[in-house]
Amino acid sequence: GNSEIDAFIYEAQTTAEFPEQILEWIPETQFTEFKLIGKGGFGRVFKAYWEKGRICKWNSIMNKWERSEPMWVALKSIEKGDESFIDEVKAMYQCLKINLGSLDCYGITRDPVTQDYLIVMRFVEYGDLRAYLSSTFATSSWKDRLDRLWSLSIDLRSLHRSGLVHRDLHGGNVLFGNNRRNFIADLGLTCKDGQTETGDIK
């Protein structure tokens, strides 16, 4: 294992105020139907079926966590090494602590083939800005468009309230989901406000 990842997951679990903020180590055996859906200079993104589902709430009678139904998730690898991977997970988690509407991060797993670490996060149905514009924009109402812009502004505000600057915001990492939910993704190049280089996010 990786002691820094273990320590971070432990911290997230012990300081979470809501179930949505709980991260966990997820064995790769819980995922099926891996499919590569994206590849860039910093890593790859897979779609996979999570058979166990995410943590939803604590059942005080049964004394255990209740989980969602099985669900589709996105699994993202970072090809620049473990340090960059941890920085991106921490940035995502900081945003989630500020705003529960930020892109959901459920935990960490490993690629069953390469053994690279993978971020387990929400699968966003309509893809990035280019995919949304080509498939949905022409038939959407102005209210829908304005609601989506508002959602993106809230996500960007959460990033800045976390003391972070994105530094790589473009249409490829603006994601469009159901119910007018939009998300800012790919936080691997974020840095603390005032820094010019990516530093440790603590």
N, C-alpha and C. Protein backbone atom coordinates (compact mmCIF):
# COMPACT_ATOMS: atom_id res chain seq x y z
N GLY A 1 0.81 -1.20 0.00
CA GLY A 1 0.00 0.00 0.00
C GLY A 1 0.84 1.25 0.00
N ASN A 2 0.18 2.39 0.07
CA ASN A 2 0.83 3.69 0.10
C ASN A 2 0.42 4.37 1.40
N SER A 3 1.41 4.68 2.24
CA SER A 3 1.10 5.19 3.57
C SER A 3 0.41 6.55 3.51
N GLU A 4 0.76 7.38 2.51
CA GLU A 4 0.13 8.70 2.41
C GLU A 4 -1.33 8.58 2.00
N ILE A 5 -1.61 7.67 1.08
CA ILE A 5 -3.00 7.44 0.69
C ILE A 5 -3.79 6.87 1.86
N ASP A 6 -3.21 5.92 2.59
CA ASP A 6 -3.88 5.34 3.76
C ASP A 6 -4.22 6.43 4.78
N ALA A 7 -3.24 7.33 5.04
CA ALA A 7 -3.44 8.39 6.02
C ALA A 7 -4.52 9.36 5.56
N PHE A 8 -4.54 9.66 4.26
CA PHE A 8 -5.53 10.59 3.74
C PHE A 8 -6.94 10.01 3.84
N ILE A 9 -7.10 8.73 3.47
CA ILE A 9 -8.42 8.09 3.57
C ILE A 9 -8.89 8.08 5.03
N TYR A 10 -7.98 7.77 5.94
CA TYR A 10 -8.33 7.76 7.36
C TYR A 10 -8.79 9.14 7.82
N GLU A 11 -8.06 10.18 7.40
CA GLU A 11 -8.43 11.54 7.77
C GLU A 11 -9.81 11.91 7.21
N ALA A 12 -10.05 11.54 5.96
CA ALA A 12 -11.34 11.84 5.33
C ALA A 12 -12.48 11.14 6.06
N GLN A 13 -12.26 9.91 6.47
CA GLN A 13 -13.31 9.15 7.15
C GLN A 13 -13.60 9.69 8.55
N THR A 14 -12.57 10.16 9.24
CA THR A 14 -12.74 10.60 10.62
C THR A 14 -13.17 12.06 10.75
N THR A 15 -13.05 12.83 9.68
CA THR A 15 -13.44 14.24 9.74
C THR A 15 -14.68 14.56 8.91
N ALA A 16 -15.22 13.57 8.19
CA ALA A 16 -16.38 13.81 7.33
C ALA A 16 -17.59 14.23 8.17
N GLU A 17 -18.31 15.25 7.69
CA GLU A 17 -19.51 15.71 8.35
C GLU A 17 -20.77 15.10 7.74
N PHE A 18 -20.64 14.60 6.51
CA PHE A 18 -21.77 14.02 5.79
C PHE A 18 -21.31 12.75 5.09
N PRO A 19 -22.22 11.81 4.82
CA PRO A 19 -21.82 10.58 4.13
C PRO A 19 -21.15 10.84 2.77
N GLU A 20 -21.57 11.92 2.09
CA GLU A 20 -21.00 12.24 0.78
C GLU A 20 -19.51 12.58 0.85
N GLN A 21 -19.02 12.88 2.06
CA GLN A 21 -17.62 13.26 2.21
C GLN A 21 -16.74 12.09 2.65
N ILE A 22 -17.32 10.91 2.76
CA ILE A 22 -16.56 9.75 3.20
C ILE A 22 -15.87 9.10 2.00
N LEU A 23 -14.58 8.96 2.07
CA LEU A 23 -13.82 8.24 1.06
C LEU A 23 -13.44 6.88 1.60
N GLU A 24 -13.23 5.92 0.72
CA GLU A 24 -12.85 4.58 1.15
C GLU A 24 -11.90 3.94 0.15
N TRP A 25 -11.14 2.98 0.64
CA TRP A 25 -10.37 2.13 -0.25
C TRP A 25 -11.32 1.08 -0.81
N ILE A 26 -11.40 0.99 -2.15
CA ILE A 26 -12.37 0.10 -2.79
C ILE A 26 -11.61 -0.98 -3.55
N PRO A 27 -11.71 -2.25 -3.15
CA PRO A 27 -11.01 -3.32 -3.88
C PRO A 27 -11.43 -3.35 -5.35
N GLU A 28 -10.46 -3.56 -6.22
CA GLU A 28 -10.76 -3.55 -7.66
C GLU A 28 -11.73 -4.66 -8.07
N THR A 29 -11.87 -5.68 -7.22
CA THR A 29 -12.80 -6.78 -7.53
C THR A 29 -14.26 -6.34 -7.48
N GLN A 30 -14.54 -5.16 -6.91
CA GLN A 30 -15.91 -4.67 -6.85
C GLN A 30 -16.37 -4.04 -8.17
N PHE A 31 -15.44 -3.90 -9.14
CA PHE A 31 -15.78 -3.24 -10.40
C PHE A 31 -15.79 -4.25 -11.55
N THR A 32 -16.75 -4.07 -12.43
CA THR A 32 -16.83 -4.91 -13.63
C THR A 32 -17.07 -4.01 -14.84
N GLU A 33 -17.01 -4.60 -16.02
CA GLU A 33 -17.33 -3.91 -17.28
C GLU A 33 -16.49 -2.66 -17.50
N PHE A 34 -15.17 -2.78 -17.28
CA PHE A 34 -14.26 -1.68 -17.53
C PHE A 34 -14.31 -1.28 -19.01
N LYS A 35 -14.38 0.02 -19.26
CA LYS A 35 -14.34 0.52 -20.63
C LYS A 35 -13.57 1.84 -20.67
N LEU A 36 -12.55 1.93 -21.49
CA LEU A 36 -11.79 3.18 -21.63
C LEU A 36 -12.66 4.20 -22.36
N ILE A 37 -12.87 5.38 -21.74
CA ILE A 37 -13.70 6.41 -22.36
C ILE A 37 -12.95 7.70 -22.62
N GLY A 38 -11.72 7.81 -22.13
CA GLY A 38 -10.95 9.03 -22.37
C GLY A 38 -9.49 8.84 -22.07
N LYS A 39 -8.64 9.56 -22.81
CA LYS A 39 -7.20 9.47 -22.60
C LYS A 39 -6.58 10.80 -22.96
N GLY A 40 -5.71 11.30 -22.10
CA GLY A 40 -5.03 12.56 -22.34
C GLY A 40 -3.60 12.52 -21.87
N GLY A 41 -3.00 13.70 -21.81
CA GLY A 41 -1.60 13.78 -21.43
C GLY A 41 -1.34 13.43 -19.99
N PHE A 42 -2.38 13.49 -19.15
CA PHE A 42 -2.17 13.28 -17.71
C PHE A 42 -2.72 11.95 -17.21
N GLY A 43 -3.42 11.22 -18.04
CA GLY A 43 -3.95 9.95 -17.56
C GLY A 43 -5.08 9.44 -18.43
N ARG A 44 -5.76 8.41 -17.91
CA ARG A 44 -6.85 7.78 -18.63
C ARG A 44 -8.10 7.76 -17.75
N VAL A 45 -9.27 7.70 -18.38
CA VAL A 45 -10.53 7.62 -17.67
C VAL A 45 -11.30 6.41 -18.17
N PHE A 46 -11.78 5.59 -17.23
CA PHE A 46 -12.57 4.41 -17.55
C PHE A 46 -13.98 4.59 -17.01
N LYS A 47 -14.90 3.92 -17.64
CA LYS A 47 -16.24 3.74 -17.10
C LYS A 47 -16.31 2.32 -16.57
N ALA A 48 -16.89 2.13 -15.38
CA ALA A 48 -16.99 0.80 -14.80
C ALA A 48 -18.26 0.69 -13.97
N TYR A 49 -18.68 -0.54 -13.73
CA TYR A 49 -19.89 -0.82 -12.96
C TYR A 49 -19.48 -1.20 -11.54
N TRP A 50 -19.91 -0.41 -10.57
CA TRP A 50 -19.57 -0.64 -9.16
C TRP A 50 -20.69 -1.46 -8.54
N GLU A 51 -20.42 -2.72 -8.29
CA GLU A 51 -21.46 -3.63 -7.84
C GLU A 51 -21.92 -3.36 -6.41
N LYS A 52 -21.05 -2.86 -5.57
CA LYS A 52 -21.41 -2.63 -4.17
C LYS A 52 -22.11 -1.30 -3.96
N GLY A 53 -21.79 -0.30 -4.77
CA GLY A 53 -22.42 1.01 -4.64
C GLY A 53 -21.80 1.88 -3.56
N ARG A 54 -22.13 3.17 -3.61
CA ARG A 54 -21.53 4.14 -2.70
C ARG A 54 -22.19 4.13 -1.32
N ILE A 55 -21.47 4.66 -0.33
CA ILE A 55 -22.03 4.84 1.01
C ILE A 55 -23.10 5.93 0.97
N CYS A 56 -24.25 5.65 1.58
CA CYS A 56 -25.36 6.61 1.59
C CYS A 56 -25.65 7.18 2.98
N LYS A 57 -25.80 6.28 3.97
CA LYS A 57 -26.11 6.75 5.32
C LYS A 57 -25.79 5.67 6.33
N TRP A 58 -25.69 6.09 7.59
CA TRP A 58 -25.40 5.18 8.68
C TRP A 58 -26.70 4.63 9.26
N ASN A 59 -26.80 3.31 9.34
CA ASN A 59 -27.95 2.65 9.94
C ASN A 59 -27.62 2.36 11.40
N SER A 60 -28.18 3.16 12.30
CA SER A 60 -27.84 3.03 13.72
C SER A 60 -28.44 1.77 14.34
N ILE A 61 -29.48 1.24 13.73
CA ILE A 61 -30.09 0.01 14.27
C ILE A 61 -29.24 -1.20 13.91
N MET A 62 -28.83 -1.27 12.64
CA MET A 62 -28.00 -2.38 12.18
C MET A 62 -26.51 -2.15 12.46
N ASN A 63 -26.17 -0.92 12.85
CA ASN A 63 -24.80 -0.55 13.16
C ASN A 63 -23.86 -0.77 11.96
N LYS A 64 -24.30 -0.27 10.81
CA LYS A 64 -23.47 -0.39 9.61
C LYS A 64 -23.91 0.66 8.59
N TRP A 65 -23.04 0.88 7.60
CA TRP A 65 -23.36 1.81 6.52
C TRP A 65 -24.33 1.18 5.53
N GLU A 66 -25.31 1.96 5.10
CA GLU A 66 -26.17 1.55 4.01
C GLU A 66 -25.60 2.10 2.70
N ARG A 67 -25.80 1.31 1.63
CA ARG A 67 -25.21 1.68 0.35
C ARG A 67 -26.28 1.85 -0.72
N SER A 68 -25.87 2.51 -1.79
CA SER A 68 -26.77 2.70 -2.93
C SER A 68 -26.92 1.40 -3.70
N GLU A 69 -27.75 1.45 -4.71
CA GLU A 69 -27.81 0.36 -5.68
C GLU A 69 -26.49 0.32 -6.46
N PRO A 70 -26.18 -0.79 -7.10
CA PRO A 70 -25.01 -0.80 -8.00
C PRO A 70 -25.09 0.35 -8.99
N MET A 71 -23.95 0.89 -9.38
CA MET A 71 -23.96 2.12 -10.16
C MET A 71 -22.75 2.20 -11.09
N TRP A 72 -22.89 3.02 -12.13
CA TRP A 72 -21.77 3.31 -13.01
C TRP A 72 -20.92 4.41 -12.40
N VAL A 73 -19.62 4.26 -12.50
CA VAL A 73 -18.69 5.26 -12.00
C VAL A 73 -17.60 5.52 -13.04
N ALA A 74 -16.88 6.61 -12.84
CA ALA A 74 -15.69 6.89 -13.64
C ALA A 74 -14.46 6.61 -12.79
N LEU A 75 -13.45 6.00 -13.40
CA LEU A 75 -12.19 5.69 -12.73
C LEU A 75 -11.08 6.42 -13.48
N LYS A 76 -10.34 7.27 -12.77
CA LYS A 76 -9.32 8.08 -13.43
C LYS A 76 -7.93 7.74 -12.92
N SER A 77 -7.01 7.51 -13.84
CA SER A 77 -5.60 7.30 -13.48
C SER A 77 -4.83 8.58 -13.72
N ILE A 78 -3.73 8.75 -13.00
CA ILE A 78 -2.83 9.89 -13.17
C ILE A 78 -1.47 9.33 -13.55
N GLU A 79 -0.96 9.70 -14.72
CA GLU A 79 0.26 9.08 -15.22
C GLU A 79 1.54 9.78 -14.77
N LYS A 80 1.39 10.85 -13.96
CA LYS A 80 2.58 11.58 -13.52
C LYS A 80 3.12 11.09 -12.19
N GLY A 81 2.54 10.01 -11.65
CA GLY A 81 3.07 9.45 -10.42
C GLY A 81 2.15 9.62 -9.23
N ASP A 82 2.52 8.94 -8.13
CA ASP A 82 1.67 8.91 -6.94
C ASP A 82 1.45 10.29 -6.33
N GLU A 83 2.48 11.15 -6.36
CA GLU A 83 2.36 12.47 -5.73
C GLU A 83 1.29 13.30 -6.44
N SER A 84 1.30 13.31 -7.77
CA SER A 84 0.28 14.05 -8.53
C SER A 84 -1.10 13.46 -8.30
N PHE A 85 -1.17 12.14 -8.18
CA PHE A 85 -2.44 11.48 -7.91
C PHE A 85 -3.01 11.95 -6.59
N ILE A 86 -2.20 11.96 -5.55
CA ILE A 86 -2.66 12.36 -4.22
C ILE A 86 -3.07 13.83 -4.23
N ASP A 87 -2.31 14.68 -4.93
CA ASP A 87 -2.67 16.10 -5.01
C ASP A 87 -4.05 16.29 -5.61
N GLU A 88 -4.35 15.54 -6.68
CA GLU A 88 -5.66 15.71 -7.32
C GLU A 88 -6.79 15.20 -6.42
N VAL A 89 -6.59 14.08 -5.75
CA VAL A 89 -7.63 13.57 -4.85
C VAL A 89 -7.87 14.57 -3.72
N LYS A 90 -6.81 15.14 -3.18
CA LYS A 90 -6.96 16.11 -2.10
C LYS A 90 -7.70 17.35 -2.57
N ALA A 91 -7.41 17.80 -3.79
CA ALA A 91 -8.11 18.98 -4.33
C ALA A 91 -9.60 18.69 -4.49
N MET A 92 -9.93 17.51 -5.02
CA MET A 92 -11.34 17.13 -5.16
C MET A 92 -12.03 17.10 -3.81
N TYR A 93 -11.33 16.55 -2.82
CA TYR A 93 -11.93 16.40 -1.50
C TYR A 93 -12.13 17.76 -0.83
N GLN A 94 -11.18 18.67 -1.02
CA GLN A 94 -11.34 20.01 -0.45
C GLN A 94 -12.58 20.70 -1.02
N CYS A 95 -12.81 20.55 -2.31
CA CYS A 95 -14.00 21.14 -2.93
C CYS A 95 -15.27 20.49 -2.39
N LEU A 96 -15.24 19.18 -2.18
CA LEU A 96 -16.40 18.47 -1.67
C LEU A 96 -16.71 18.89 -0.23
N LYS A 97 -15.69 19.24 0.54
CA LYS A 97 -15.91 19.71 1.91
C LYS A 97 -16.61 21.07 1.92
N ILE A 98 -16.33 21.89 0.90
CA ILE A 98 -16.94 23.21 0.80
C ILE A 98 -18.35 23.12 0.23
N ASN A 99 -18.53 22.25 -0.76
CA ASN A 99 -19.79 22.17 -1.50
C ASN A 99 -20.10 20.72 -1.83
N LEU A 100 -21.16 20.19 -1.21
CA LEU A 100 -21.53 18.80 -1.46
C LEU A 100 -21.98 18.57 -2.90
N GLY A 101 -22.23 19.66 -3.64
CA GLY A 101 -22.61 19.55 -5.04
C GLY A 101 -21.43 19.43 -5.98
N SER A 102 -20.20 19.46 -5.45
CA SER A 102 -19.02 19.28 -6.30
C SER A 102 -18.96 17.85 -6.83
N LEU A 103 -18.08 17.62 -7.79
CA LEU A 103 -17.96 16.29 -8.39
C LEU A 103 -17.66 15.25 -7.31
N ASP A 104 -18.53 14.26 -7.19
CA ASP A 104 -18.40 13.26 -6.13
C ASP A 104 -17.14 12.42 -6.31
N CYS A 105 -16.41 12.27 -5.23
CA CYS A 105 -15.26 11.37 -5.17
C CYS A 105 -15.58 10.32 -4.12
N TYR A 106 -15.63 9.05 -4.55
CA TYR A 106 -16.06 7.99 -3.65
C TYR A 106 -14.91 7.28 -2.96
N GLY A 107 -13.72 7.35 -3.55
CA GLY A 107 -12.59 6.66 -2.94
C GLY A 107 -11.50 6.38 -3.95
N ILE A 108 -10.68 5.39 -3.62
CA ILE A 108 -9.50 5.06 -4.41
C ILE A 108 -9.45 3.55 -4.61
N THR A 109 -9.00 3.14 -5.78
CA THR A 109 -8.82 1.72 -6.07
C THR A 109 -7.56 1.56 -6.92
N ARG A 110 -7.36 0.36 -7.46
CA ARG A 110 -6.22 0.10 -8.34
C ARG A 110 -6.69 -0.46 -9.67
N ASP A 111 -5.95 -0.15 -10.71
CA ASP A 111 -6.18 -0.76 -12.01
C ASP A 111 -5.81 -2.24 -11.89
N PRO A 112 -6.73 -3.15 -12.21
CA PRO A 112 -6.43 -4.58 -12.03
C PRO A 112 -5.32 -5.09 -12.95
N VAL A 113 -5.00 -4.35 -14.00
CA VAL A 113 -3.95 -4.78 -14.93
C VAL A 113 -2.62 -4.12 -14.60
N THR A 114 -2.61 -2.78 -14.51
CA THR A 114 -1.35 -2.05 -14.32
C THR A 114 -1.00 -1.83 -12.85
N GLN A 115 -2.01 -1.97 -11.97
CA GLN A 115 -1.88 -1.67 -10.55
C GLN A 115 -1.67 -0.19 -10.25
N ASP A 116 -1.93 0.69 -11.23
CA ASP A 116 -1.92 2.13 -10.99
C ASP A 116 -3.09 2.50 -10.09
N TYR A 117 -2.91 3.54 -9.29
CA TYR A 117 -4.02 4.02 -8.47
C TYR A 117 -5.06 4.70 -9.36
N LEU A 118 -6.34 4.57 -8.97
CA LEU A 118 -7.44 5.16 -9.71
C LEU A 118 -8.34 5.92 -8.75
N ILE A 119 -8.75 7.12 -9.15
CA ILE A 119 -9.77 7.87 -8.40
C ILE A 119 -11.13 7.34 -8.82
N VAL A 120 -11.97 7.01 -7.86
CA VAL A 120 -13.33 6.55 -8.14
C VAL A 120 -14.28 7.73 -7.95
N MET A 121 -14.98 8.13 -9.01
CA MET A 121 -15.81 9.32 -8.92
C MET A 121 -17.09 9.16 -9.73
N ARG A 122 -17.94 10.13 -9.60
CA ARG A 122 -19.24 10.13 -10.30
C ARG A 122 -19.04 9.99 -11.80
N PHE A 123 -19.86 9.15 -12.43
CA PHE A 123 -19.90 9.10 -13.88
C PHE A 123 -20.89 10.14 -14.36
N VAL A 124 -20.42 11.07 -15.18
CA VAL A 124 -21.24 12.19 -15.63
C VAL A 124 -21.79 11.89 -17.02
N GLU A 125 -23.11 11.88 -17.14
CA GLU A 125 -23.80 11.26 -18.27
C GLU A 125 -23.54 11.92 -19.62
N TYR A 126 -23.52 13.26 -19.67
CA TYR A 126 -23.44 13.93 -20.96
C TYR A 126 -22.01 14.27 -21.40
N GLY A 127 -21.03 13.92 -20.59
CA GLY A 127 -19.65 14.15 -20.98
C GLY A 127 -19.23 15.60 -20.85
N ASP A 128 -18.22 15.98 -21.63
CA ASP A 128 -17.66 17.33 -21.50
C ASP A 128 -18.45 18.35 -22.31
N LEU A 129 -17.97 19.59 -22.32
CA LEU A 129 -18.69 20.68 -22.97
C LEU A 129 -18.92 20.41 -24.46
N ARG A 130 -17.90 19.90 -25.14
CA ARG A 130 -18.05 19.64 -26.57
C ARG A 130 -19.13 18.59 -26.83
N ALA A 131 -19.14 17.52 -26.04
CA ALA A 131 -20.16 16.48 -26.22
C ALA A 131 -21.55 17.03 -25.93
N TYR A 132 -21.66 17.85 -24.89
CA TYR A 132 -22.96 18.43 -24.54
C TYR A 132 -23.47 19.34 -25.65
N LEU A 133 -22.59 20.19 -26.20
CA LEU A 133 -23.01 21.11 -27.25
C LEU A 133 -23.46 20.38 -28.51
N SER A 134 -22.79 19.28 -28.82
CA SER A 134 -23.12 18.57 -30.05
C SER A 134 -24.38 17.72 -29.92
N SER A 135 -24.72 17.30 -28.71
CA SER A 135 -25.85 16.37 -28.56
C SER A 135 -27.10 16.98 -27.95
N THR A 136 -26.95 18.02 -27.14
CA THR A 136 -28.08 18.47 -26.33
C THR A 136 -28.36 19.97 -26.43
N PHE A 137 -27.35 20.76 -26.66
CA PHE A 137 -27.49 22.21 -26.53
C PHE A 137 -28.59 22.77 -27.43
N ALA A 138 -28.67 22.31 -28.67
CA ALA A 138 -29.62 22.88 -29.62
C ALA A 138 -31.07 22.70 -29.19
N THR A 139 -31.35 21.65 -28.43
CA THR A 139 -32.74 21.37 -28.01
C THR A 139 -33.03 21.83 -26.58
N SER A 140 -32.04 22.38 -25.91
CA SER A 140 -32.24 22.81 -24.52
C SER A 140 -32.84 24.21 -24.48
N SER A 141 -33.55 24.49 -23.39
CA SER A 141 -34.16 25.81 -23.22
C SER A 141 -33.13 26.78 -22.65
N TRP A 142 -33.45 28.08 -22.74
CA TRP A 142 -32.55 29.07 -22.15
C TRP A 142 -32.50 28.92 -20.63
N LYS A 143 -33.60 28.51 -20.02
CA LYS A 143 -33.57 28.27 -18.57
C LYS A 143 -32.58 27.17 -18.22
N ASP A 144 -32.59 26.10 -19.01
CA ASP A 144 -31.66 25.00 -18.77
C ASP A 144 -30.22 25.49 -18.92
N ARG A 145 -29.96 26.29 -19.94
CA ARG A 145 -28.60 26.79 -20.17
C ARG A 145 -28.14 27.69 -19.03
N LEU A 146 -29.03 28.57 -18.57
CA LEU A 146 -28.67 29.47 -17.48
C LEU A 146 -28.48 28.70 -16.17
N ASP A 147 -29.33 27.70 -15.94
CA ASP A 147 -29.18 26.88 -14.74
C ASP A 147 -27.83 26.17 -14.74
N ARG A 148 -27.40 25.71 -15.90
CA ARG A 148 -26.11 25.02 -15.99
C ARG A 148 -24.96 26.00 -15.77
N LEU A 149 -25.06 27.19 -16.29
CA LEU A 149 -24.03 28.20 -16.04
C LEU A 149 -23.95 28.53 -14.55
N TRP A 150 -25.12 28.61 -13.90
CA TRP A 150 -25.15 28.87 -12.47
C TRP A 150 -24.47 27.74 -11.69
N SER A 151 -24.76 26.50 -12.08
CA SER A 151 -24.15 25.35 -11.43
C SER A 151 -22.64 25.38 -11.56
N LEU A 152 -22.14 25.74 -12.74
CA LEU A 152 -20.70 25.82 -12.94
C LEU A 152 -20.08 26.93 -12.11
N SER A 153 -20.79 28.04 -11.98
CA SER A 153 -20.25 29.15 -11.17
C SER A 153 -20.14 28.74 -9.70
N ILE A 154 -21.09 27.94 -9.22
CA ILE A 154 -21.04 27.45 -7.83
C ILE A 154 -19.83 26.53 -7.64
N ASP A 155 -19.58 25.66 -8.62
CA ASP A 155 -18.44 24.75 -8.54
C ASP A 155 -17.13 25.53 -8.56
N LEU A 156 -17.05 26.55 -9.40
CA LEU A 156 -15.83 27.36 -9.46
C LEU A 156 -15.64 28.13 -8.17
N ARG A 157 -16.72 28.62 -7.59
CA ARG A 157 -16.63 29.32 -6.31
C ARG A 157 -16.13 28.38 -5.21
N SER A 158 -16.59 27.12 -5.24
CA SER A 158 -16.13 26.15 -4.24
C SER A 158 -14.62 25.93 -4.36
N LEU A 159 -14.14 25.86 -5.59
CA LEU A 159 -12.70 25.69 -5.81
C LEU A 159 -11.93 26.86 -5.21
N HIS A 160 -12.39 28.07 -5.47
CA HIS A 160 -11.68 29.25 -4.97
C HIS A 160 -11.83 29.39 -3.46
N ARG A 161 -12.97 29.01 -2.91
CA ARG A 161 -13.13 29.05 -1.46
C ARG A 161 -12.24 28.03 -0.77
N SER A 162 -11.83 27.02 -1.50
CA SER A 162 -10.88 26.04 -0.96
C SER A 162 -9.45 26.58 -1.01
N GLY A 163 -9.29 27.79 -1.54
CA GLY A 163 -7.96 28.39 -1.65
C GLY A 163 -7.17 27.89 -2.83
N LEU A 164 -7.86 27.35 -3.86
CA LEU A 164 -7.18 26.74 -4.99
C LEU A 164 -7.50 27.47 -6.29
N VAL A 165 -6.56 27.42 -7.22
CA VAL A 165 -6.74 27.96 -8.56
C VAL A 165 -6.59 26.79 -9.53
N HIS A 166 -7.52 26.67 -10.50
CA HIS A 166 -7.54 25.50 -11.39
C HIS A 166 -6.33 25.45 -12.32
N ARG A 167 -6.05 26.52 -13.03
CA ARG A 167 -4.91 26.68 -13.95
C ARG A 167 -5.02 25.90 -15.26
N ASP A 168 -6.09 25.16 -15.47
CA ASP A 168 -6.22 24.42 -16.73
C ASP A 168 -7.69 24.27 -17.12
N LEU A 169 -8.47 25.32 -16.90
CA LEU A 169 -9.91 25.23 -17.14
C LEU A 169 -10.21 25.41 -18.63
N HIS A 170 -10.85 24.40 -19.21
CA HIS A 170 -11.25 24.44 -20.62
C HIS A 170 -12.45 23.51 -20.81
N GLY A 171 -13.01 23.48 -22.02
CA GLY A 171 -14.21 22.72 -22.27
C GLY A 171 -14.10 21.23 -22.00
N GLY A 172 -12.88 20.70 -22.07
CA GLY A 172 -12.69 19.26 -21.86
C GLY A 172 -12.83 18.84 -20.42
N ASN A 173 -12.71 19.77 -19.46
CA ASN A 173 -12.89 19.38 -18.07
C ASN A 173 -14.07 20.09 -17.40
N VAL A 174 -15.00 20.56 -18.23
CA VAL A 174 -16.30 21.01 -17.75
C VAL A 174 -17.31 19.91 -18.12
N LEU A 175 -17.88 19.24 -17.12
CA LEU A 175 -18.70 18.05 -17.34
C LEU A 175 -20.18 18.35 -17.08
N PHE A 176 -21.04 17.70 -17.88
CA PHE A 176 -22.48 17.97 -17.84
C PHE A 176 -23.24 16.69 -17.46
N GLY A 177 -23.98 16.77 -16.35
CA GLY A 177 -24.72 15.61 -15.88
C GLY A 177 -26.22 15.80 -15.97
N ASN A 178 -26.95 14.88 -15.37
CA ASN A 178 -28.40 14.97 -15.33
C ASN A 178 -28.86 16.05 -14.37
N ASN A 179 -30.13 16.42 -14.47
CA ASN A 179 -30.76 17.37 -13.54
C ASN A 179 -30.03 18.71 -13.49
N ARG A 180 -29.50 19.11 -14.64
CA ARG A 180 -28.78 20.39 -14.77
C ARG A 180 -27.58 20.48 -13.83
N ARG A 181 -27.01 19.34 -13.47
CA ARG A 181 -25.82 19.31 -12.64
C ARG A 181 -24.58 19.34 -13.52
N ASN A 182 -23.67 20.27 -13.22
CA ASN A 182 -22.43 20.39 -13.97
C ASN A 182 -21.26 20.39 -12.99
N PHE A 183 -20.10 20.03 -13.49
CA PHE A 183 -18.96 19.85 -12.60
C PHE A 183 -17.68 20.30 -13.28
N ILE A 184 -16.76 20.81 -12.47
CA ILE A 184 -15.42 21.12 -12.93
C ILE A 184 -14.52 19.97 -12.51
N ALA A 185 -13.82 19.39 -13.48
CA ALA A 185 -12.99 18.20 -13.22
C ALA A 185 -11.53 18.50 -13.53
N ASP A 186 -10.71 17.44 -13.46
CA ASP A 186 -9.28 17.50 -13.78
C ASP A 186 -8.57 18.56 -12.95
N LEU A 187 -8.46 18.29 -11.65
CA LEU A 187 -7.85 19.25 -10.73
C LEU A 187 -6.36 18.98 -10.52
N GLY A 188 -5.74 18.23 -11.43
CA GLY A 188 -4.34 17.85 -11.25
C GLY A 188 -3.36 18.99 -11.30
N LEU A 189 -3.71 20.10 -11.94
CA LEU A 189 -2.79 21.23 -12.04
C LEU A 189 -3.16 22.36 -11.09
N THR A 190 -4.11 22.13 -10.19
CA THR A 190 -4.47 23.18 -9.25
C THR A 190 -3.30 23.53 -8.35
N CYS A 191 -3.30 24.76 -7.91
CA CYS A 191 -2.31 25.18 -6.92
C CYS A 191 -3.00 26.11 -5.94
N LYS A 192 -2.37 26.34 -4.82
CA LYS A 192 -2.92 27.27 -3.85
C LYS A 192 -2.85 28.68 -4.41
N ASP A 193 -3.85 29.48 -4.07
CA ASP A 193 -3.92 30.84 -4.55
C ASP A 193 -2.63 31.59 -4.18
N GLY A 194 -1.98 32.17 -5.19
CA GLY A 194 -0.73 32.90 -4.95
C GLY A 194 0.49 32.13 -5.37
N GLN A 195 0.36 30.80 -5.57
CA GLN A 195 1.47 30.00 -6.04
C GLN A 195 1.53 30.02 -7.56
N THR A 196 2.70 29.83 -8.11
CA THR A 196 2.85 29.73 -9.56
C THR A 196 3.15 28.32 -9.99
N GLU A 197 3.51 27.46 -9.06
CA GLU A 197 3.77 26.06 -9.36
C GLU A 197 2.84 25.20 -8.53
N THR A 198 2.52 24.02 -9.07
CA THR A 198 1.69 23.09 -8.31
C THR A 198 2.44 22.64 -7.07
N GLY A 199 1.83 22.85 -5.92
CA GLY A 199 2.46 22.44 -4.67
C GLY A 199 1.63 21.42 -3.96
N ASP A 200 2.11 20.95 -2.84
CA ASP A 200 1.33 19.99 -2.05
C ASP A 200 0.07 20.65 -1.55
N ILE A 201 -1.02 19.92 -1.61
CA ILE A 201 -2.30 20.40 -1.11
C ILE A 201 -2.55 19.72 0.21
N LYS A 202 -2.61 20.48 1.26
CA LYS A 202 -2.68 19.89 2.60
C LYS A 202 -3.93 20.36 3.31
